PDB file of N, CA and C in Angstrom:
ATOM      1  N   MET A   1     203.045 191.537  24.926  1.00  0.00           N
ATOM      2  CA  MET A   1     203.574 191.624  25.981  1.00  0.00           C
ATOM      3  C   MET A   1     204.030 190.527  26.277  1.00  0.00           C
ATOM      4  N   LEU A   2     203.574 189.235  25.755  1.00  0.00           N
ATOM      5  CA  LEU A   2     204.925 188.250  26.030  1.00  0.00           C
ATOM      6  C   LEU A   2     206.100 188.550  25.797  1.00  0.00           C
ATOM      7  N   MET A   3     206.547 189.027  24.521  1.00  0.00           N
ATOM      8  CA  MET A   3     208.004 189.357  24.590  1.00  0.00           C
ATOM      9  C   MET A   3     208.690 190.171  25.905  1.00  0.00           C
ATOM     10  N   ALA A   4     207.657 191.085  26.114  1.00  0.00           N
ATOM     11  CA  ALA A   4     208.764 192.140  27.149  1.00  0.00           C
ATOM     12  C   ALA A   4     209.130 191.051  28.126  1.00  0.00           C
ATOM     13  N   GLU A   5     207.775 190.124  28.453  1.00  0.00           N
ATOM     14  CA  GLU A   5     208.116 189.410  29.714  1.00  0.00           C
ATOM     15  C   GLU A   5     209.028 188.380  29.832  1.00  0.00           C
ATOM     16  N   SER A   6     209.526 188.102  28.851  1.00  0.00           N
ATOM     17  CA  SER A   6     210.710 187.451  28.692  1.00  0.00           C
ATOM     18  C   SER A   6     211.907 187.957  29.330  1.00  0.00           C
ATOM     19  N   PHE A   7     211.956 189.179  29.355  1.00  0.00           N
ATOM     20  CA  PHE A   7     213.415 189.589  29.437  1.00  0.00           C
ATOM     21  C   PHE A   7     213.249 190.662  30.621  1.00  0.00           C
ATOM     22  N   MET A   8     212.377 190.408  31.606  1.00  0.00           N
ATOM     23  CA  MET A   8     212.007 190.484  33.093  1.00  0.00           C
ATOM     24  C   MET A   8     212.577 190.230  33.883  1.00  0.00           C
ATOM     25  N   PHE A   9     213.384 190.651  34.892  1.00  0.00           N
ATOM     26  CA  PHE A   9     213.786 190.080  35.975  1.00  0.00           C
ATOM     27  C   PHE A   9     212.685 189.289  36.708  1.00  0.00           C
ATOM     28  N   PRO A  10     213.370 188.037  37.104  1.00  0.00           N
ATOM     29  CA  PRO A  10     212.209 187.328  38.636  1.00  0.00           C
ATOM     30  C   PRO A  10     212.743 187.870  39.679  1.00  0.00           C
ATOM     31  N   CYS A  11     210.961 188.103  40.606  1.00  0.00           N
ATOM     32  CA  CYS A  11     210.992 188.930  41.609  1.00  0.00           C
ATOM     33  C   CYS A  11     211.905 187.614  43.091  1.00  0.00           C
ATOM     34  N   LEU A  12     213.020 187.545  43.072  1.00  0.00           N
ATOM     35  CA  LEU A  12     213.538 186.100  44.096  1.00  0.00           C
ATOM     36  C   LEU A  12     212.823 186.274  45.731  1.00  0.00           C
ATOM     37  N   TRP A  13     212.130 187.542  45.782  1.00  0.00           N
ATOM     38  CA  TRP A  13     211.335 186.866  47.126  1.00  0.00           C
ATOM     39  C   TRP A  13     209.957 186.599  46.686  1.00  0.00           C
ATOM     40  N   LYS A  14     209.697 186.675  45.745  1.00  0.00           N
ATOM     41  CA  LYS A  14     208.301 185.956  45.414  1.00  0.00           C
ATOM     42  C   LYS A  14     208.651 184.516  44.879  1.00  0.00           C
ATOM     43  N   LYS A  15     209.801 184.472  44.190  1.00  0.00           N
ATOM     44  CA  LYS A  15     210.255 183.107  44.307  1.00  0.00           C
ATOM     45  C   LYS A  15     210.654 182.125  45.020  1.00  0.00           C
ATOM     46  N   TYR A  16     211.610 182.447  45.963  1.00  0.00           N
ATOM     47  CA  TYR A  16     212.043 181.238  47.070  1.00  0.00           C
ATOM     48  C   TYR A  16     211.305 181.698  48.560  1.00  0.00           C
ATOM     49  N   LEU A  17     210.777 183.194  48.875  1.00  0.00           N
ATOM     50  CA  LEU A  17     210.343 183.039  49.864  1.00  0.00           C
ATOM     51  C   LEU A  17     208.279 183.140  49.989  1.00  0.00           C
ATOM     52  N   HIS A  18     208.378 182.793  48.495  1.00  0.00           N
ATOM     53  CA  HIS A  18     206.338 183.112  48.259  1.00  0.00           C
ATOM     54  C   HIS A  18     205.535 184.243  48.920  1.00  0.00           C
ATOM     55  N   ILE A  19     206.113 185.548  49.188  1.00  0.00           N
ATOM     56  CA  ILE A  19     205.583 186.871  49.341  1.00  0.00           C
ATOM     57  C   ILE A  19     206.385 187.202  48.301  1.00  0.00           C
ATOM     58  N   GLU A  20     205.230 188.351  47.843  1.00  0.00           N
ATOM     59  CA  GLU A  20     205.526 190.037  47.367  1.00  0.00           C
ATOM     60  C   GLU A  20     206.862 190.668  48.074  1.00  0.00           C
ATOM     61  N   CYS A  21     207.641 191.262  47.230  1.00  0.00           N
ATOM     62  CA  CYS A  21     208.653 192.245  47.640  1.00  0.00           C
ATOM     63  C   CYS A  21     208.024 193.881  47.398  1.00  0.00           C
ATOM     64  N   MET A  22     208.375 194.668  47.976  1.00  0.00           N
ATOM     65  CA  MET A  22     207.778 196.225  47.557  1.00  0.00           C
ATOM     66  C   MET A  22     207.737 196.523  46.716  1.00  0.00           C
ATOM     67  N   GLY A  23     208.803 195.868  45.627  1.00  0.00           N
ATOM     68  CA  GLY A  23     209.226 196.450  44.456  1.00  0.00           C
ATOM     69  C   GLY A  23     208.323 195.493  43.104  1.00  0.00           C
ATOM     70  N   CYS A  24     207.671 194.637  43.546  1.00  0.00           N
ATOM     71  CA  CYS A  24     206.754 193.199  42.473  1.00  0.00           C
ATOM     72  C   CYS A  24     205.740 194.335  41.738  1.00  0.00           C
ATOM     73  N   GLY A  25     205.818 194.399  40.766  1.00  0.00           N
ATOM     74  CA  GLY A  25     204.868 195.093  39.555  1.00  0.00           C
ATOM     75  C   GLY A  25     205.432 196.112  38.672  1.00  0.00           C
ATOM     76  N   PHE A  26     206.886 196.573  39.471  1.00  0.00           N
ATOM     77  CA  PHE A  26     207.137 197.744  38.754  1.00  0.00           C
ATOM     78  C   PHE A  26     207.456 197.575  37.372  1.00  0.00           C
ATOM     79  N   GLN A  27     208.225 196.267  37.096  1.00  0.00           N
ATOM     80  CA  GLN A  27     208.820 196.275  35.953  1.00  0.00           C
ATOM     81  C   GLN A  27     207.113 195.545  34.672  1.00  0.00           C
ATOM     82  N   ARG A  28     205.984 195.527  35.522  1.00  0.00           N
ATOM     83  CA  ARG A  28     205.040 194.990  34.573  1.00  0.00           C
ATOM     84  C   ARG A  28     204.150 196.301  34.210  1.00  0.00           C
ATOM     85  N   SER A  29     204.384 197.108  35.478  1.00  0.00           N
ATOM     86  CA  SER A  29     203.872 198.356  35.041  1.00  0.00           C
ATOM     87  C   SER A  29     204.566 199.136  33.920  1.00  0.00           C
ATOM     88  N   VAL A  30     205.851 199.504  33.918  1.00  0.00           N
ATOM     89  CA  VAL A  30     206.308 199.998  32.549  1.00  0.00           C
ATOM     90  C   VAL A  30     206.389 199.611  31.707  1.00  0.00           C
ATOM     91  N   VAL A  31     205.818 197.772  31.617  1.00  0.00           N
ATOM     92  CA  VAL A  31     205.623 197.270  30.229  1.00  0.00           C
ATOM     93  C   VAL A  31     204.117 198.075  29.584  1.00  0.00           C
ATOM     94  N   LEU A  32     203.310 198.037  30.883  1.00  0.00           N
ATOM     95  CA  LEU A  32     201.888 198.475  30.728  1.00  0.00           C
ATOM     96  C   LEU A  32     202.099 200.261  29.828  1.00  0.00           C
ATOM     97  N   LEU A  33     202.910 200.887  30.643  1.00  0.00           N
ATOM     98  CA  LEU A  33     202.963 202.272  30.234  1.00  0.00           C
ATOM     99  C   LEU A  33     203.310 202.631  28.594  1.00  0.00           C
ATOM    100  N   PHE A  34     204.303 201.721  28.457  1.00  0.00           N
ATOM    101  CA  PHE A  34     205.317 201.389  27.073  1.00  0.00           C
ATOM    102  C   PHE A  34     203.499 201.270  26.080  1.00  0.00           C
ATOM    103  N   GLN A  35     202.922 200.334  26.233  1.00  0.00           N
ATOM    104  CA  GLN A  35     201.805 199.864  25.593  1.00  0.00           C
ATOM    105  C   GLN A  35     200.813 200.543  25.521  1.00  0.00           C
ATOM    106  N   GLY A  36     200.711 201.535  26.388  1.00  0.00           N
ATOM    107  CA  GLY A  36     199.495 203.223  26.285  1.00  0.00           C
ATOM    108  C   GLY A  36     198.770 202.542  27.416  1.00  0.00           C
ATOM    109  N   GLN A  37     198.596 201.678  28.509  1.00  0.00           N
ATOM    110  CA  GLN A  37     197.928 201.534  28.982  1.00  0.00           C
ATOM    111  C   GLN A  37     198.086 202.041  30.665  1.00  0.00           C
ATOM    112  N   PHE A  38     197.830 203.391  30.857  1.00  0.00           N
ATOM    113  CA  PHE A  38     197.919 204.341  31.840  1.00  0.00           C
ATOM    114  C   PHE A  38     197.146 204.152  33.256  1.00  0.00           C
ATOM    115  N   GLU A  39     196.248 203.559  32.938  1.00  0.00           N
ATOM    116  CA  GLU A  39     195.781 203.259  33.963  1.00  0.00           C
ATOM    117  C   GLU A  39     196.041 201.899  34.662  1.00  0.00           C
ATOM    118  N   ALA A  40     196.122 201.032  33.983  1.00  0.00           N
ATOM    119  CA  ALA A  40     196.853 199.697  34.041  1.00  0.00           C
ATOM    120  C   ALA A  40     197.931 199.398  35.046  1.00  0.00           C
ATOM    121  N   ALA A  41     198.898 200.872  34.397  1.00  0.00           N
ATOM    122  CA  ALA A  41     200.375 200.362  34.567  1.00  0.00           C
ATOM    123  C   ALA A  41     200.163 201.119  36.463  1.00  0.00           C
ATOM    124  N   PHE A  42     199.219 202.037  36.582  1.00  0.00           N
ATOM    125  CA  PHE A  42     199.075 202.604  37.684  1.00  0.00           C
ATOM    126  C   PHE A  42     198.663 201.889  38.949  1.00  0.00           C
ATOM    127  N   ILE A  43     197.416 200.841  38.329  1.00  0.00           N
ATOM    128  CA  ILE A  43     197.084 200.066  39.540  1.00  0.00           C
ATOM    129  C   ILE A  43     198.043 198.982  39.570  1.00  0.00           C
ATOM    130  N   MET A  44     198.818 198.444  38.791  1.00  0.00           N
ATOM    131  CA  MET A  44     199.943 197.356  39.107  1.00  0.00           C
ATOM    132  C   MET A  44     200.934 198.183  40.028  1.00  0.00           C
ATOM    133  N   TYR A  45     201.273 199.289  39.411  1.00  0.00           N
ATOM    134  CA  TYR A  45     202.436 199.637  40.769  1.00  0.00           C
ATOM    135  C   TYR A  45     202.305 201.344  40.623  1.00  0.00           C
ATOM    136  N   PRO A  46     201.057 201.675  41.961  1.00  0.00           N
ATOM    137  CA  PRO A  46     200.998 203.337  41.965  1.00  0.00           C
ATOM    138  C   PRO A  46     202.440 204.491  42.339  1.00  0.00           C
ATOM    139  N   ALA A  47     203.558 203.624  42.626  1.00  0.00           N
ATOM    140  CA  ALA A  47     204.398 204.506  42.340  1.00  0.00           C
ATOM    141  C   ALA A  47     205.116 204.830  40.863  1.00  0.00           C
ATOM    142  N   VAL A  48     204.701 203.865  39.950  1.00  0.00           N
ATOM    143  CA  VAL A  48     205.716 204.096  38.845  1.00  0.00           C
ATOM    144  C   VAL A  48     205.655 205.612  38.492  1.00  0.00           C
ATOM    145  N   TYR A  49     204.636 206.593  38.142  1.00  0.00           N
ATOM    146  CA  TYR A  49     204.751 207.683  37.858  1.00  0.00           C
ATOM    147  C   TYR A  49     205.764 208.588  38.709  1.00  0.00           C
ATOM    148  N   THR A  50     205.628 208.465  39.825  1.00  0.00           N
ATOM    149  CA  THR A  50     206.659 209.165  40.790  1.00  0.00           C
ATOM    150  C   THR A  50     208.284 208.758  40.277  1.00  0.00           C
ATOM    151  N   LEU A  51     207.973 207.336  40.566  1.00  0.00           N
ATOM    152  CA  LEU A  51     209.250 207.218  40.208  1.00  0.00           C
ATOM    153  C   LEU A  51     209.667 207.646  38.812  1.00  0.00           C
ATOM    154  N   LEU A  52     209.474 207.353  38.083  1.00  0.00           N
ATOM    155  CA  LEU A  52     209.948 207.640  36.596  1.00  0.00           C
ATOM    156  C   LEU A  52     210.409 209.784  36.977  1.00  0.00           C
ATOM    157  N   LEU A  53     209.259 210.035  37.445  1.00  0.00           N
ATOM    158  CA  LEU A  53     209.735 212.037  37.372  1.00  0.00           C
ATOM    159  C   LEU A  53     210.956 212.080  38.339  1.00  0.00           C
ATOM    160  N   LEU A  54     211.057 211.141  39.443  1.00  0.00           N
ATOM    161  CA  LEU A  54     212.368 211.181  40.187  1.00  0.00           C
ATOM    162  C   LEU A  54     213.074 211.016  39.341  1.00  0.00           C
ATOM    163  N   PHE A  55     213.373 209.930  38.564  1.00  0.00           N
ATOM    164  CA  PHE A  55     214.691 209.667  37.798  1.00  0.00           C
ATOM    165  C   PHE A  55     214.978 210.270  36.886  1.00  0.00           C
ATOM    166  N   SER A  56     213.523 210.948  36.190  1.00  0.00           N
ATOM    167  CA  SER A  56     213.789 211.472  35.374  1.00  0.00           C
ATOM    168  C   SER A  56     214.548 213.225  35.856  1.00  0.00           C
ATOM    169  N   PHE A  57     214.171 213.612  37.181  1.00  0.00           N
ATOM    170  CA  PHE A  57     214.359 214.760  37.602  1.00  0.00           C
ATOM    171  C   PHE A  57     215.931 214.606  38.159  1.00  0.00           C
ATOM    172  N   LEU A  58     216.146 213.251  38.262  1.00  0.00           N
ATOM    173  CA  LEU A  58     217.517 213.235  38.835  1.00  0.00           C
ATOM    174  C   LEU A  58     218.671 213.320  37.718  1.00  0.00           C
ATOM    175  N   GLY A  59     218.310 212.832  36.749  1.00  0.00           N
ATOM    176  CA  GLY A  59     218.807 212.975  35.182  1.00  0.00           C
ATOM    177  C   GLY A  59     219.046 214.189  35.007  1.00  0.00           C
ATOM    178  N   MET A  60     218.384 215.259  35.224  1.00  0.00           N
ATOM    179  CA  MET A  60     218.457 216.300  34.578  1.00  0.00           C
ATOM    180  C   MET A  60     219.336 216.723  35.903  1.00  0.00           C
ATOM    181  N   HIS A  61     219.083 216.746  37.161  1.00  0.00           N
ATOM    182  CA  HIS A  61     220.006 217.295  38.096  1.00  0.00           C
ATOM    183  C   HIS A  61     221.415 217.177  37.895  1.00  0.00           C
ATOM    184  N   LEU A  62     221.868 215.951  37.547  1.00  0.00           N
ATOM    185  CA  LEU A  62     223.254 215.548  37.293  1.00  0.00           C
ATOM    186  C   LEU A  62     223.962 216.766  36.255  1.00  0.00           C
ATOM    187  N   LEU A  63     223.078 216.550  35.180  1.00  0.00           N
ATOM    188  CA  LEU A  63     223.336 217.266  33.884  1.00  0.00           C
ATOM    189  C   LEU A  63     223.804 219.181  34.040  1.00  0.00           C
ATOM    190  N   PHE A  64     222.263 219.359  34.899  1.00  0.00           N
ATOM    191  CA  PHE A  64     222.148 220.937  34.456  1.00  0.00           C
ATOM    192  C   PHE A  64     222.532 221.473  36.397  1.00  0.00           C
ATOM    193  N   LYS A  65     222.435 220.852  36.761  1.00  0.00           N
ATOM    194  CA  LYS A  65     223.002 221.170  38.768  1.00  0.00           C
ATOM    195  C   LYS A  65     221.627 222.437  39.177  1.00  0.00           C
ATOM    196  N   PHE A  66     220.579 221.518  39.341  1.00  0.00           N
ATOM    197  CA  PHE A  66     220.204 222.553  39.995  1.00  0.00           C
ATOM    198  C   PHE A  66     220.124 223.636  41.204  1.00  0.00           C
ATOM    199  N   LYS A  67     219.574 224.881  41.473  1.00  0.00           N
ATOM    200  CA  LYS A  67     220.077 225.507  43.035  1.00  0.00           C
ATOM    201  C   LYS A  67     219.378 224.594  43.845  1.00  0.00           C
ATOM    202  N   TYR A  68     218.249 224.180  44.026  1.00  0.00           N
ATOM    203  CA  TYR A  68     217.804 223.304  44.941  1.00  0.00           C
ATOM    204  C   TYR A  68     217.130 221.770  44.298  1.00  0.00           C
ATOM    205  N   GLY A  69     218.054 221.450  43.705  1.00  0.00           N
ATOM    206  CA  GLY A  69     218.208 220.009  43.307  1.00  0.00           C
ATOM    207  C   GLY A  69     218.160 219.233  44.175  1.00  0.00           C
ATOM    208  N   ALA A  70     218.931 218.921  45.162  1.00  0.00           N
ATOM    209  CA  ALA A  70     219.072 218.549  46.131  1.00  0.00           C
ATOM    210  C   ALA A  70     217.809 218.201  47.119  1.00  0.00           C
ATOM    211  N   LYS A  71     217.276 219.173  47.544  1.00  0.00           N
ATOM    212  CA  LYS A  71     216.137 219.203  48.633  1.00  0.00           C
ATOM    213  C   LYS A  71     214.915 218.717  47.855  1.00  0.00           C
ATOM    214  N   ILE A  72     214.557 219.427  46.386  1.00  0.00           N
ATOM    215  CA  ILE A  72     213.393 218.508  45.060  1.00  0.00           C
ATOM    216  C   ILE A  72     213.772 217.193  45.250  1.00  0.00           C
ATOM    217  N   LEU A  73     214.972 216.818  45.190  1.00  0.00           N
ATOM    218  CA  LEU A  73     214.924 214.839  44.880  1.00  0.00           C
ATOM    219  C   LEU A  73     214.720 214.509  46.425  1.00  0.00           C
ATOM    220  N   LEU A  74     215.378 214.937  47.677  1.00  0.00           N
ATOM    221  CA  LEU A  74     214.704 214.404  48.921  1.00  0.00           C
ATOM    222  C   LEU A  74     213.260 214.116  49.119  1.00  0.00           C
ATOM    223  N   VAL A  75     212.916 215.229  48.781  1.00  0.00           N
ATOM    224  CA  VAL A  75     210.997 215.455  48.733  1.00  0.00           C
ATOM    225  C   VAL A  75     210.407 214.286  47.852  1.00  0.00           C
ATOM    226  N   LEU A  76     210.978 214.403  46.738  1.00  0.00           N
ATOM    227  CA  LEU A  76     210.475 213.162  45.693  1.00  0.00           C
ATOM    228  C   LEU A  76     210.922 211.658  46.161  1.00  0.00           C
ATOM    229  N   PHE A  77     212.070 211.457  46.808  1.00  0.00           N
ATOM    230  CA  PHE A  77     212.448 210.247  47.546  1.00  0.00           C
ATOM    231  C   PHE A  77     211.197 210.292  48.302  1.00  0.00           C
ATOM    232  N   ILE A  78     210.948 210.643  49.317  1.00  0.00           N
ATOM    233  CA  ILE A  78     210.595 210.979  50.648  1.00  0.00           C
ATOM    234  C   ILE A  78     209.047 209.761  50.444  1.00  0.00           C
ATOM    235  N   VAL A  79     208.304 211.242  49.111  1.00  0.00           N
ATOM    236  CA  VAL A  79     207.183 210.839  48.239  1.00  0.00           C
ATOM    237  C   VAL A  79     206.936 209.403  48.053  1.00  0.00           C
ATOM    238  N   ASN A  80     208.166 209.069  46.849  1.00  0.00           N
ATOM    239  CA  ASN A  80     208.178 207.843  46.573  1.00  0.00           C
ATOM    240  C   ASN A  80     208.196 206.570  47.580  1.00  0.00           C
ATOM    241  N   ILE A  81     208.915 206.676  48.400  1.00  0.00           N
ATOM    242  CA  ILE A  81     208.869 205.638  50.001  1.00  0.00           C
ATOM    243  C   ILE A  81     207.484 205.422  50.572  1.00  0.00           C
ATOM    244  N   SER A  82     207.066 206.394  50.387  1.00  0.00           N
ATOM    245  CA  SER A  82     205.589 206.428  51.328  1.00  0.00           C
ATOM    246  C   SER A  82     204.491 205.690  50.258  1.00  0.00           C
ATOM    247  N   ILE A  83     204.945 206.371  49.064  1.00  0.00           N
ATOM    248  CA  ILE A  83     203.545 205.351  48.464  1.00  0.00           C
ATOM    249  C   ILE A  83     204.204 204.190  48.150  1.00  0.00           C
ATOM    250  N   ILE A  84     205.298 203.619  48.431  1.00  0.00           N
ATOM    251  CA  ILE A  84     205.477 202.229  47.902  1.00  0.00           C
ATOM    252  C   ILE A  84     205.314 201.252  48.990  1.00  0.00           C
ATOM    253  N   VAL A  85     205.146 201.964  50.490  1.00  0.00           N
ATOM    254  CA  VAL A  85     205.262 201.473  51.734  1.00  0.00           C
ATOM    255  C   VAL A  85     203.817 201.209  51.654  1.00  0.00           C
ATOM    256  N   VAL A  86     202.895 202.375  51.729  1.00  0.00           N
ATOM    257  CA  VAL A  86     201.506 202.180  51.829  1.00  0.00           C
ATOM    258  C   VAL A  86     201.253 201.540  50.907  1.00  0.00           C
ATOM    259  N   ASN A  87     201.117 201.172  49.605  1.00  0.00           N
ATOM    260  CA  ASN A  87     200.948 200.279  48.651  1.00  0.00           C
ATOM    261  C   ASN A  87     201.289 198.808  49.537  1.00  0.00           C
ATOM    262  N   TYR A  88     202.500 198.481  49.966  1.00  0.00           N
ATOM    263  CA  TYR A  88     202.795 197.403  50.383  1.00  0.00           C
ATOM    264  C   TYR A  88     201.757 196.659  51.293  1.00  0.00           C
ATOM    265  N   ILE A  89     201.792 197.664  52.203  1.00  0.00           N
ATOM    266  CA  ILE A  89     200.601 197.264  53.799  1.00  0.00           C
ATOM    267  C   ILE A  89     199.315 197.167  53.207  1.00  0.00           C
ATOM    268  N   PHE A  90     199.081 198.148  51.846  1.00  0.00           N
ATOM    269  CA  PHE A  90     197.422 197.351  51.440  1.00  0.00           C
ATOM    270  C   PHE A  90     197.399 196.590  50.716  1.00  0.00           C
ATOM    271  N   LYS A  91     198.565 195.440  50.104  1.00  0.00           N
ATOM    272  CA  LYS A  91     198.526 194.677  49.368  1.00  0.00           C
ATOM    273  C   LYS A  91     198.329 193.290  50.104  1.00  0.00           C
ATOM    274  N   PHE A  92     198.528 193.499  51.934  1.00  0.00           N
ATOM    275  CA  PHE A  92     198.345 192.300  52.621  1.00  0.00           C
ATOM    276  C   PHE A  92     196.741 192.228  53.535  1.00  0.00           C
ATOM    277  N   ILE A  93     196.345 193.729  53.116  1.00  0.00           N
ATOM    278  CA  ILE A  93     195.211 194.173  53.985  1.00  0.00           C
ATOM    279  C   ILE A  93     193.811 193.096  53.278  1.00  0.00           C
TER     280      ILE A  93
END
């Protein structure tokens, strides 16, 4: 994990404002996924799986132009934003 952490981007919000942003934890959760620690990845950043689903579907939609792809992407986007905002609120409670 130490080698993967050396390539991560720093969170500028956390560095300069000393508060976490809504994306804090995503990079670390992806590293945990690659290490096979699926539960730890979810605990680190709950939206990691739905974001990966969103990005995967976006890539497939760009290649294959699904009939209802735009509507599915909109729903996935709303679900992801909801999870991220709720998680961010729970960090401060």
